Amino acid sequence: MAKYLLVSFKTCPWVQRAAIVLREKNIEFEFRHIDRDNRPDWFLAISPHKKVPVMSIDGKVSLFESNAIAEYLDETIAPRLHPDDPVQRAINRAWTDYVPTFSDMVTGQAYADDEAEYKADVAKIPQAFEKLEGALKAQSPQGPFFNGAKYSLVDAAYAPFLQRYVFLDRIKPLGVIEKFPRVKAWTEALLKRPSTHSFPEAEFEQLYRLNVKLRKKYLSQFIADVAVAAE
């Protein structure tokens, strides 16, 4: 069996996506975390874009970009997470292509420099959720996942960013997801899924809050120093 090494920063959502797919397929892999501000030479040598995720296979081939890694794993290792039907597969791929836009709209407030920018970023969230609400209504009226009962690469792609929305909502209440019942139910189902979590959930949330605090952006002031000290 091939040996897989997944390289990550501890709180990178794009690497989390790749790790979720590996766990959904019950693939044994080594998870190696590196320092964002001190990237080792061996990593730079295997990462063409000098960023994570990078997945090394048998120490011979290195794949990069989370979507490419997820697609490779789905093509080569059962069970298949993409739908068998080619039309549904294309629809699923189209919604995974929306993930970068979705992530910016839903979690961008974590990078806002001031209150005005923060409010402008928060105002984008309903638009992103409305699109997903419509997609979920069309794809899986009964849920709990994007395609209904069967977990898919779409679920793996959105889980890290919906998780971060929940974390941000706990730092400074946003009150948006409650207006979108299908998105809310989907988020809850994904957060209950063991594959979503690379760390115990409370530990990971503290790591995420610490990162937000250390950015020294507008939202940092709402994270108590004691919470950071506890980390």
C-alpha atoms as a PDB file:
ATOM      1  CA  MET A   1       0.000   0.000   0.000  1.00  0.00           C
ATOM      2  CA  ALA A   2       1.191   3.515  -0.790  1.00  0.00           C
ATOM      3  CA  LYS A   3       2.487   5.732   2.004  1.00  0.00           C
ATOM      4  CA  TYR A   4       0.894   9.160   2.214  1.00  0.00           C
ATOM      5  CA  LEU A   5       2.385  12.214   3.903  1.00  0.00           C
ATOM      6  CA  LEU A   6       0.140  15.263   4.247  1.00  0.00           C
ATOM      7  CA  VAL A   7       1.925  18.514   5.107  1.00  0.00           C
ATOM      8  CA  SER A   8       0.029  21.303   6.824  1.00  0.00           C
ATOM      9  CA  PHE A   9      -0.108  24.315   9.065  1.00  0.00           C
ATOM     10  CA  LYS A  10      -2.192  23.342  12.092  1.00  0.00           C
ATOM     11  CA  THR A  11      -5.239  25.430  11.231  1.00  0.00           C
ATOM     12  CA  CYS A  12      -5.186  25.501   7.416  1.00  0.00           C
ATOM     13  CA  PRO A  13      -8.711  24.791   6.097  1.00  0.00           C
ATOM     14  CA  TRP A  14      -7.446  23.668   2.683  1.00  0.00           C
ATOM     15  CA  VAL A  15      -5.298  20.944   4.225  1.00  0.00           C
ATOM     16  CA  GLN A  16      -8.201  20.014   6.475  1.00  0.00           C
ATOM     17  CA  ARG A  17     -10.194  19.333   3.311  1.00  0.00           C
ATOM     18  CA  ALA A  18      -7.571  16.845   2.088  1.00  0.00           C
ATOM     19  CA  ALA A  19      -7.351  15.209   5.522  1.00  0.00           C
ATOM     20  CA  ILE A  20     -11.125  14.771   5.586  1.00  0.00           C
ATOM     21  CA  VAL A  21     -11.042  12.886   2.283  1.00  0.00           C
ATOM     22  CA  LEU A  22      -8.223  10.661   3.522  1.00  0.00           C
ATOM     23  CA  ARG A  23     -10.192   9.841   6.683  1.00  0.00           C
ATOM     24  CA  GLU A  24     -13.431   9.223   4.769  1.00  0.00           C
ATOM     25  CA  LYS A  25     -11.578   6.618   2.726  1.00  0.00           C
ATOM     26  CA  ASN A  26      -9.948   5.063   5.813  1.00  0.00           C
ATOM     27  CA  ILE A  27      -6.476   5.733   4.416  1.00  0.00           C
ATOM     28  CA  GLU A  28      -3.590   5.646   6.852  1.00  0.00           C
ATOM     29  CA  PHE A  29      -1.434   8.748   6.470  1.00  0.00           C
ATOM     30  CA  GLU A  30       1.195  10.773   8.270  1.00  0.00           C
ATOM     31  CA  PHE A  31       0.070  14.274   9.199  1.00  0.00           C
ATOM     32  CA  ARG A  32       3.083  16.561   9.494  1.00  0.00           C
ATOM     33  CA  HIS A  33       2.651  20.149  10.665  1.00  0.00           C
ATOM     34  CA  ILE A  34       5.121  22.887   9.797  1.00  0.00           C
ATOM     35  CA  ASP A  35       5.539  26.479  10.961  1.00  0.00           C
ATOM     36  CA  ARG A  36       3.865  28.977   8.649  1.00  0.00           C
ATOM     37  CA  ASP A  37       6.639  31.513   9.290  1.00  0.00           C
ATOM     38  CA  ASN A  38       9.544  29.056   9.087  1.00  0.00           C
ATOM     39  CA  ARG A  39       8.879  26.678   6.197  1.00  0.00           C
ATOM     40  CA  PRO A  40      11.611  24.022   6.054  1.00  0.00           C
ATOM     41  CA  ASP A  41      13.740  23.498   2.964  1.00  0.00           C
ATOM     42  CA  TRP A  42      12.448  19.956   2.420  1.00  0.00           C
ATOM     43  CA  PHE A  43       8.924  21.377   2.191  1.00  0.00           C
ATOM     44  CA  LEU A  44       9.900  24.162  -0.200  1.00  0.00           C
ATOM     45  CA  ALA A  45      11.532  21.544  -2.406  1.00  0.00           C
ATOM     46  CA  ILE A  46       8.280  19.587  -2.847  1.00  0.00           C
ATOM     47  CA  SER A  47       5.754  22.457  -2.911  1.00  0.00           C
ATOM     48  CA  PRO A  48       5.775  24.303  -6.265  1.00  0.00           C
ATOM     49  CA  HIS A  49       3.649  27.144  -4.866  1.00  0.00           C
ATOM     50  CA  LYS A  50       5.453  27.134  -1.497  1.00  0.00           C
ATOM     51  CA  LYS A  51       2.168  26.614   0.293  1.00  0.00           C
ATOM     52  CA  VAL A  52       0.089  23.833   1.837  1.00  0.00           C
ATOM     53  CA  PRO A  53      -1.430  21.368   1.301  1.00  0.00           C
ATOM     54  CA  VAL A  54       1.167  19.082  -0.190  1.00  0.00           C
ATOM     55  CA  MET A  55       0.661  15.332  -0.226  1.00  0.00           C
ATOM     56  CA  SER A  56       3.687  13.131  -0.831  1.00  0.00           C
ATOM     57  CA  ILE A  57       3.084   9.612  -2.153  1.00  0.00           C
ATOM     58  CA  ASP A  58       5.776   7.061  -1.286  1.00  0.00           C
ATOM     59  CA  GLY A  59       8.263   9.920  -1.077  1.00  0.00           C
ATOM     60  CA  LYS A  60       8.369   9.977  -4.883  1.00  0.00           C
ATOM     61  CA  VAL A  61       5.514  12.164  -6.105  1.00  0.00           C
ATOM     62  CA  SER A  62       4.084  15.270  -4.466  1.00  0.00           C
ATOM     63  CA  LEU A  63       0.603  16.548  -5.232  1.00  0.00           C
ATOM     64  CA  PHE A  64      -0.493  20.077  -4.378  1.00  0.00           C
ATOM     65  CA  GLU A  65      -3.708  22.139  -4.289  1.00  0.00           C
ATOM     66  CA  SER A  66      -6.538  20.707  -2.208  1.00  0.00           C
ATOM     67  CA  ASN A  67      -8.967  20.168  -5.072  1.00  0.00           C
ATOM     68  CA  ALA A  68      -6.404  18.212  -7.104  1.00  0.00           C
ATOM     69  CA  ILE A  69      -5.537  16.073  -4.080  1.00  0.00           C
ATOM     70  CA  ALA A  70      -9.194  15.338  -3.340  1.00  0.00           C
ATOM     71  CA  GLU A  71      -9.922  14.407  -6.962  1.00  0.00           C
ATOM     72  CA  TYR A  72      -6.852  12.142  -7.136  1.00  0.00           C
ATOM     73  CA  LEU A  73      -7.819  10.298  -3.976  1.00  0.00           C
ATOM     74  CA  ASP A  74     -11.380   9.877  -5.212  1.00  0.00           C
ATOM     75  CA  GLU A  75     -10.237   8.505  -8.561  1.00  0.00           C
ATOM     76  CA  THR A  76      -7.793   5.994  -7.096  1.00  0.00           C
ATOM     77  CA  ILE A  77      -9.226   4.769  -3.781  1.00  0.00           C
ATOM     78  CA  ALA A  78     -12.670   3.405  -2.900  1.00  0.00           C
ATOM     79  CA  PRO A  79     -15.244   4.294  -1.792  1.00  0.00           C
ATOM     80  CA  ARG A  80     -15.975   6.865  -4.480  1.00  0.00           C
ATOM     81  CA  LEU A  81     -17.294  10.096  -2.986  1.00  0.00           C
ATOM     82  CA  HIS A  82     -18.269  11.760  -6.249  1.00  0.00           C
ATOM     83  CA  PRO A  83     -21.679  10.726  -7.647  1.00  0.00           C
ATOM     84  CA  ASP A  84     -21.672   8.019 -10.315  1.00  0.00           C
ATOM     85  CA  ASP A  85     -24.042   9.961 -12.556  1.00  0.00           C
ATOM     86  CA  PRO A  86     -21.976  12.270 -14.835  1.00  0.00           C
ATOM     87  CA  VAL A  87     -24.459  15.140 -14.625  1.00  0.00           C
ATOM     88  CA  GLN A  88     -24.542  15.013 -10.834  1.00  0.00           C
ATOM     89  CA  ARG A  89     -20.760  14.707 -10.795  1.00  0.00           C
ATOM     90  CA  ALA A  90     -20.483  17.876 -12.879  1.00  0.00           C
ATOM     91  CA  ILE A  91     -22.887  19.694 -10.545  1.00  0.00           C
ATOM     92  CA  ASN A  92     -20.825  18.588  -7.562  1.00  0.00           C
ATOM     93  CA  ARG A  93     -17.600  19.769  -9.195  1.00  0.00           C
ATOM     94  CA  ALA A  94     -19.190  23.136  -9.966  1.00  0.00           C
ATOM     95  CA  TRP A  95     -20.105  23.605  -6.313  1.00  0.00           C
ATOM     96  CA  THR A  96     -16.616  22.678  -5.165  1.00  0.00           C
ATOM     97  CA  ASP A  97     -15.335  25.358  -7.562  1.00  0.00           C
ATOM     98  CA  TYR A  98     -17.424  27.872  -5.586  1.00  0.00           C
ATOM     99  CA  VAL A  99     -15.586  27.097  -2.338  1.00  0.00           C
ATOM    100  CA  PRO A 100     -12.864  29.815  -2.630  1.00  0.00           C
ATOM    101  CA  THR A 101     -15.535  32.492  -3.175  1.00  0.00           C
ATOM    102  CA  PHE A 102     -17.653  31.048  -0.370  1.00  0.00           C
ATOM    103  CA  SER A 103     -14.725  31.009   2.061  1.00  0.00           C
ATOM    104  CA  ASP A 104     -13.886  34.649   1.358  1.00  0.00           C
ATOM    105  CA  MET A 105     -17.490  35.736   1.852  1.00  0.00           C
ATOM    106  CA  VAL A 106     -18.170  33.677   4.980  1.00  0.00           C
ATOM    107  CA  THR A 107     -14.881  33.944   6.892  1.00  0.00           C
ATOM    108  CA  GLY A 108     -13.333  37.117   5.458  1.00  0.00           C
ATOM    109  CA  GLN A 109     -14.330  39.146   8.522  1.00  0.00           C
ATOM    110  CA  ALA A 110     -11.524  37.447  10.443  1.00  0.00           C
ATOM    111  CA  TYR A 111      -9.095  39.585   8.433  1.00  0.00           C
ATOM    112  CA  ALA A 112     -10.939  42.933   8.679  1.00  0.00           C
ATOM    113  CA  ASP A 113      -8.778  45.813   9.903  1.00  0.00           C
ATOM    114  CA  ASP A 114     -11.557  47.915  11.441  1.00  0.00           C
ATOM    115  CA  GLU A 115     -15.254  47.890  12.328  1.00  0.00           C
ATOM    116  CA  ALA A 116     -16.408  49.297   8.980  1.00  0.00           C
ATOM    117  CA  GLU A 117     -14.522  46.624   7.039  1.00  0.00           C
ATOM    118  CA  TYR A 118     -15.779  43.971   9.443  1.00  0.00           C
ATOM    119  CA  LYS A 119     -19.413  45.004   8.913  1.00  0.00           C
ATOM    120  CA  ALA A 120     -18.937  45.080   5.145  1.00  0.00           C
ATOM    121  CA  ASP A 121     -17.512  41.565   5.227  1.00  0.00           C
ATOM    122  CA  VAL A 122     -20.293  40.248   7.467  1.00  0.00           C
ATOM    123  CA  ALA A 123     -22.853  41.713   5.053  1.00  0.00           C
ATOM    124  CA  LYS A 124     -21.594  39.290   2.382  1.00  0.00           C
ATOM    125  CA  ILE A 125     -22.418  36.172   4.400  1.00  0.00           C
ATOM    126  CA  PRO A 126     -26.190  36.018   3.656  1.00  0.00           C
ATOM    127  CA  GLN A 127     -25.532  36.064  -0.089  1.00  0.00           C
ATOM    128  CA  ALA A 128     -23.168  33.086   0.192  1.00  0.00           C
ATOM    129  CA  PHE A 129     -25.535  31.160   2.449  1.00  0.00           C
ATOM    130  CA  GLU A 130     -28.506  31.893   0.177  1.00  0.00           C
ATOM    131  CA  LYS A 131     -26.701  30.265  -2.756  1.00  0.00           C
ATOM    132  CA  LEU A 132     -25.976  27.162  -0.688  1.00  0.00           C
ATOM    133  CA  GLU A 133     -29.512  27.089   0.694  1.00  0.00           C
ATOM    134  CA  GLY A 134     -30.817  26.892  -2.856  1.00  0.00           C
ATOM    135  CA  ALA A 135     -28.301  24.225  -3.843  1.00  0.00           C
ATOM    136  CA  LEU A 136     -29.166  22.091  -0.827  1.00  0.00           C
ATOM    137  CA  LYS A 137     -32.879  22.417  -1.564  1.00  0.00           C
ATOM    138  CA  ALA A 138     -32.295  21.196  -5.115  1.00  0.00           C
ATOM    139  CA  GLN A 139     -29.787  18.465  -4.301  1.00  0.00           C
ATOM    140  CA  SER A 140     -30.958  17.016  -1.010  1.00  0.00           C
ATOM    141  CA  PRO A 141     -34.319  18.155   0.363  1.00  0.00           C
ATOM    142  CA  GLN A 142     -34.022  15.597   3.158  1.00  0.00           C
ATOM    143  CA  GLY A 143     -30.291  15.994   3.892  1.00  0.00           C
ATOM    144  CA  PRO A 144     -28.195  15.565   5.868  1.00  0.00           C
ATOM    145  CA  PHE A 145     -25.388  15.987   3.293  1.00  0.00           C
ATOM    146  CA  PHE A 146     -25.080  17.838   0.007  1.00  0.00           C
ATOM    147  CA  ASN A 147     -26.330  14.863  -2.033  1.00  0.00           C
ATOM    148  CA  GLY A 148     -28.644  13.491   0.618  1.00  0.00           C
ATOM    149  CA  ALA A 149     -27.630  10.451   2.634  1.00  0.00           C
ATOM    150  CA  LYS A 150     -24.311   9.861   0.830  1.00  0.00           C
ATOM    151  CA  TYR A 151     -21.262  11.888   1.887  1.00  0.00           C
ATOM    152  CA  SER A 152     -19.401  13.561  -0.993  1.00  0.00           C
ATOM    153  CA  LEU A 153     -16.388  15.666  -1.927  1.00  0.00           C
ATOM    154  CA  VAL A 154     -18.658  18.726  -1.700  1.00  0.00           C
ATOM    155  CA  ASP A 155     -19.206  17.993   1.990  1.00  0.00           C
ATOM    156  CA  ALA A 156     -15.465  17.604   2.538  1.00  0.00           C
ATOM    157  CA  ALA A 157     -14.781  20.887   0.736  1.00  0.00           C
ATOM    158  CA  TYR A 158     -17.249  23.028   2.695  1.00  0.00           C
ATOM    159  CA  ALA A 159     -16.837  21.474   6.157  1.00  0.00           C
ATOM    160  CA  PRO A 160     -13.696  23.449   7.170  1.00  0.00           C
ATOM    161  CA  PHE A 161     -15.254  26.798   6.272  1.00  0.00           C
ATOM    162  CA  LEU A 162     -18.626  26.123   7.863  1.00  0.00           C
ATOM    163  CA  GLN A 163     -16.709  25.071  10.975  1.00  0.00           C
ATOM    164  CA  ARG A 164     -14.846  28.383  10.946  1.00  0.00           C
ATOM    165  CA  TYR A 165     -18.105  30.288  10.584  1.00  0.00           C
ATOM    166  CA  VAL A 166     -19.252  28.607  13.794  1.00  0.00           C
ATOM    167  CA  PHE A 167     -15.997  29.566  15.527  1.00  0.00           C
ATOM    168  CA  LEU A 168     -16.292  33.185  14.349  1.00  0.00           C
ATOM    169  CA  ASP A 169     -19.928  33.310  15.465  1.00  0.00           C
ATOM    170  CA  ARG A 170     -18.776  32.326  18.960  1.00  0.00           C
ATOM    171  CA  ILE A 171     -16.187  35.128  19.023  1.00  0.00           C
ATOM    172  CA  LYS A 172     -18.675  37.839  17.993  1.00  0.00           C
ATOM    173  CA  PRO A 173     -22.246  36.676  17.316  1.00  0.00           C
ATOM    174  CA  LEU A 174     -23.212  36.939  13.655  1.00  0.00           C
ATOM    175  CA  GLY A 175     -26.788  35.624  13.735  1.00  0.00           C
ATOM    176  CA  VAL A 176     -26.858  34.719  10.045  1.00  0.00           C
ATOM    177  CA  ILE A 177     -26.909  30.953   9.694  1.00  0.00           C
ATOM    178  CA  GLU A 178     -30.157  30.677  11.670  1.00  0.00           C
ATOM    179  CA  LYS A 179     -31.936  32.286   8.705  1.00  0.00           C
ATOM    180  CA  PHE A 180     -30.876  29.431   6.438  1.00  0.00           C
ATOM    181  CA  PRO A 181     -32.214  26.189   7.962  1.00  0.00           C
ATOM    182  CA  ARG A 182     -30.747  23.836   5.356  1.00  0.00           C
ATOM    183  CA  VAL A 183     -27.270  25.349   5.669  1.00  0.00           C
ATOM    184  CA  LYS A 184     -27.558  25.223   9.453  1.00  0.00           C
ATOM    185  CA  ALA A 185     -28.606  21.546   9.433  1.00  0.00           C
ATOM    186  CA  TRP A 186     -25.839  20.729   6.957  1.00  0.00           C
ATOM    187  CA  THR A 187     -23.272  22.471   9.141  1.00  0.00           C
ATOM    188  CA  GLU A 188     -24.420  20.552  12.205  1.00  0.00           C
ATOM    189  CA  ALA A 189     -24.227  17.238  10.335  1.00  0.00           C
ATOM    190  CA  LEU A 190     -20.712  17.993   9.108  1.00  0.00           C
ATOM    191  CA  LEU A 191     -19.485  19.020  12.548  1.00  0.00           C
ATOM    192  CA  LYS A 192     -20.789  15.745  13.977  1.00  0.00           C
ATOM    193  CA  ARG A 193     -18.858  13.776  11.360  1.00  0.00           C
ATOM    194  CA  PRO A 194     -15.626  12.379  12.895  1.00  0.00           C
ATOM    195  CA  SER A 195     -13.700  12.898   9.653  1.00  0.00           C
ATOM    196  CA  THR A 196     -14.092  16.671   9.963  1.00  0.00           C
ATOM    197  CA  HIS A 197     -11.775  16.821  12.960  1.00  0.00           C
ATOM    198  CA  SER A 198      -7.979  16.604  12.884  1.00  0.00           C
ATOM    199  CA  PHE A 199      -7.854  17.614  16.557  1.00  0.00           C
ATOM    200  CA  PRO A 200     -10.349  17.404  19.432  1.00  0.00           C
ATOM    201  CA  GLU A 201     -12.882  20.096  18.565  1.00  0.00           C
ATOM    202  CA  ALA A 202     -12.357  22.272  21.660  1.00  0.00           C
ATOM    203  CA  GLU A 203      -8.584  22.142  21.193  1.00  0.00           C
ATOM    204  CA  PHE A 204      -8.867  23.098  17.546  1.00  0.00           C
ATOM    205  CA  GLU A 205     -11.215  25.980  18.287  1.00  0.00           C
ATOM    206  CA  GLN A 206      -8.657  27.337  20.755  1.00  0.00           C
ATOM    207  CA  LEU A 207      -5.936  27.075  18.114  1.00  0.00           C
ATOM    208  CA  TYR A 208      -8.150  28.966  15.676  1.00  0.00           C
ATOM    209  CA  ARG A 209      -8.997  31.668  18.226  1.00  0.00           C
ATOM    210  CA  LEU A 210      -5.308  32.066  18.984  1.00  0.00           C
ATOM    211  CA  ASN A 211      -4.567  32.609  15.300  1.00  0.00           C
ATOM    212  CA  VAL A 212      -7.289  35.234  15.057  1.00  0.00           C
ATOM    213  CA  LYS A 213      -5.987  36.950  18.187  1.00  0.00           C
ATOM    214  CA  LEU A 214      -2.426  37.045  16.884  1.00  0.00           C
ATOM    215  CA  ARG A 215      -3.467  38.644  13.593  1.00  0.00           C
ATOM    216  CA  LYS A 216      -4.217  41.828  15.561  1.00  0.00           C
ATOM    217  CA  LYS A 217      -7.193  42.646  13.370  1.00  0.00           C
ATOM    218  CA  TYR A 218     -10.529  44.150  14.440  1.00  0.00           C
ATOM    219  CA  LEU A 219     -11.880  40.838  15.724  1.00  0.00           C
ATOM    220  CA  SER A 220      -8.839  40.220  17.944  1.00  0.00           C
ATOM    221  CA  GLN A 221     -10.179  42.543  20.646  1.00  0.00           C
ATOM    222  CA  PHE A 222     -13.122  40.206  21.274  1.00  0.00           C
ATOM    223  CA  ILE A 223     -10.902  37.263  22.204  1.00  0.00           C
ATOM    224  CA  ALA A 224      -9.960  37.322  25.858  1.00  0.00           C
ATOM    225  CA  ASP A 225      -6.261  37.140  26.732  1.00  0.00           C
ATOM    226  CA  VAL A 226      -7.014  34.354  29.184  1.00  0.00           C
ATOM    227  CA  ALA A 227      -8.295  32.206  26.318  1.00  0.00           C
ATOM    228  CA  VAL A 228      -5.018  32.682  24.508  1.00  0.00           C
ATOM    229  CA  ALA A 229      -2.976  32.035  27.655  1.00  0.00           C
ATOM    230  CA  ALA A 230      -4.857  28.769  28.146  1.00  0.00           C
ATOM    231  CA  GLU A 231      -3.631  27.627  24.755  1.00  0.00           C
END
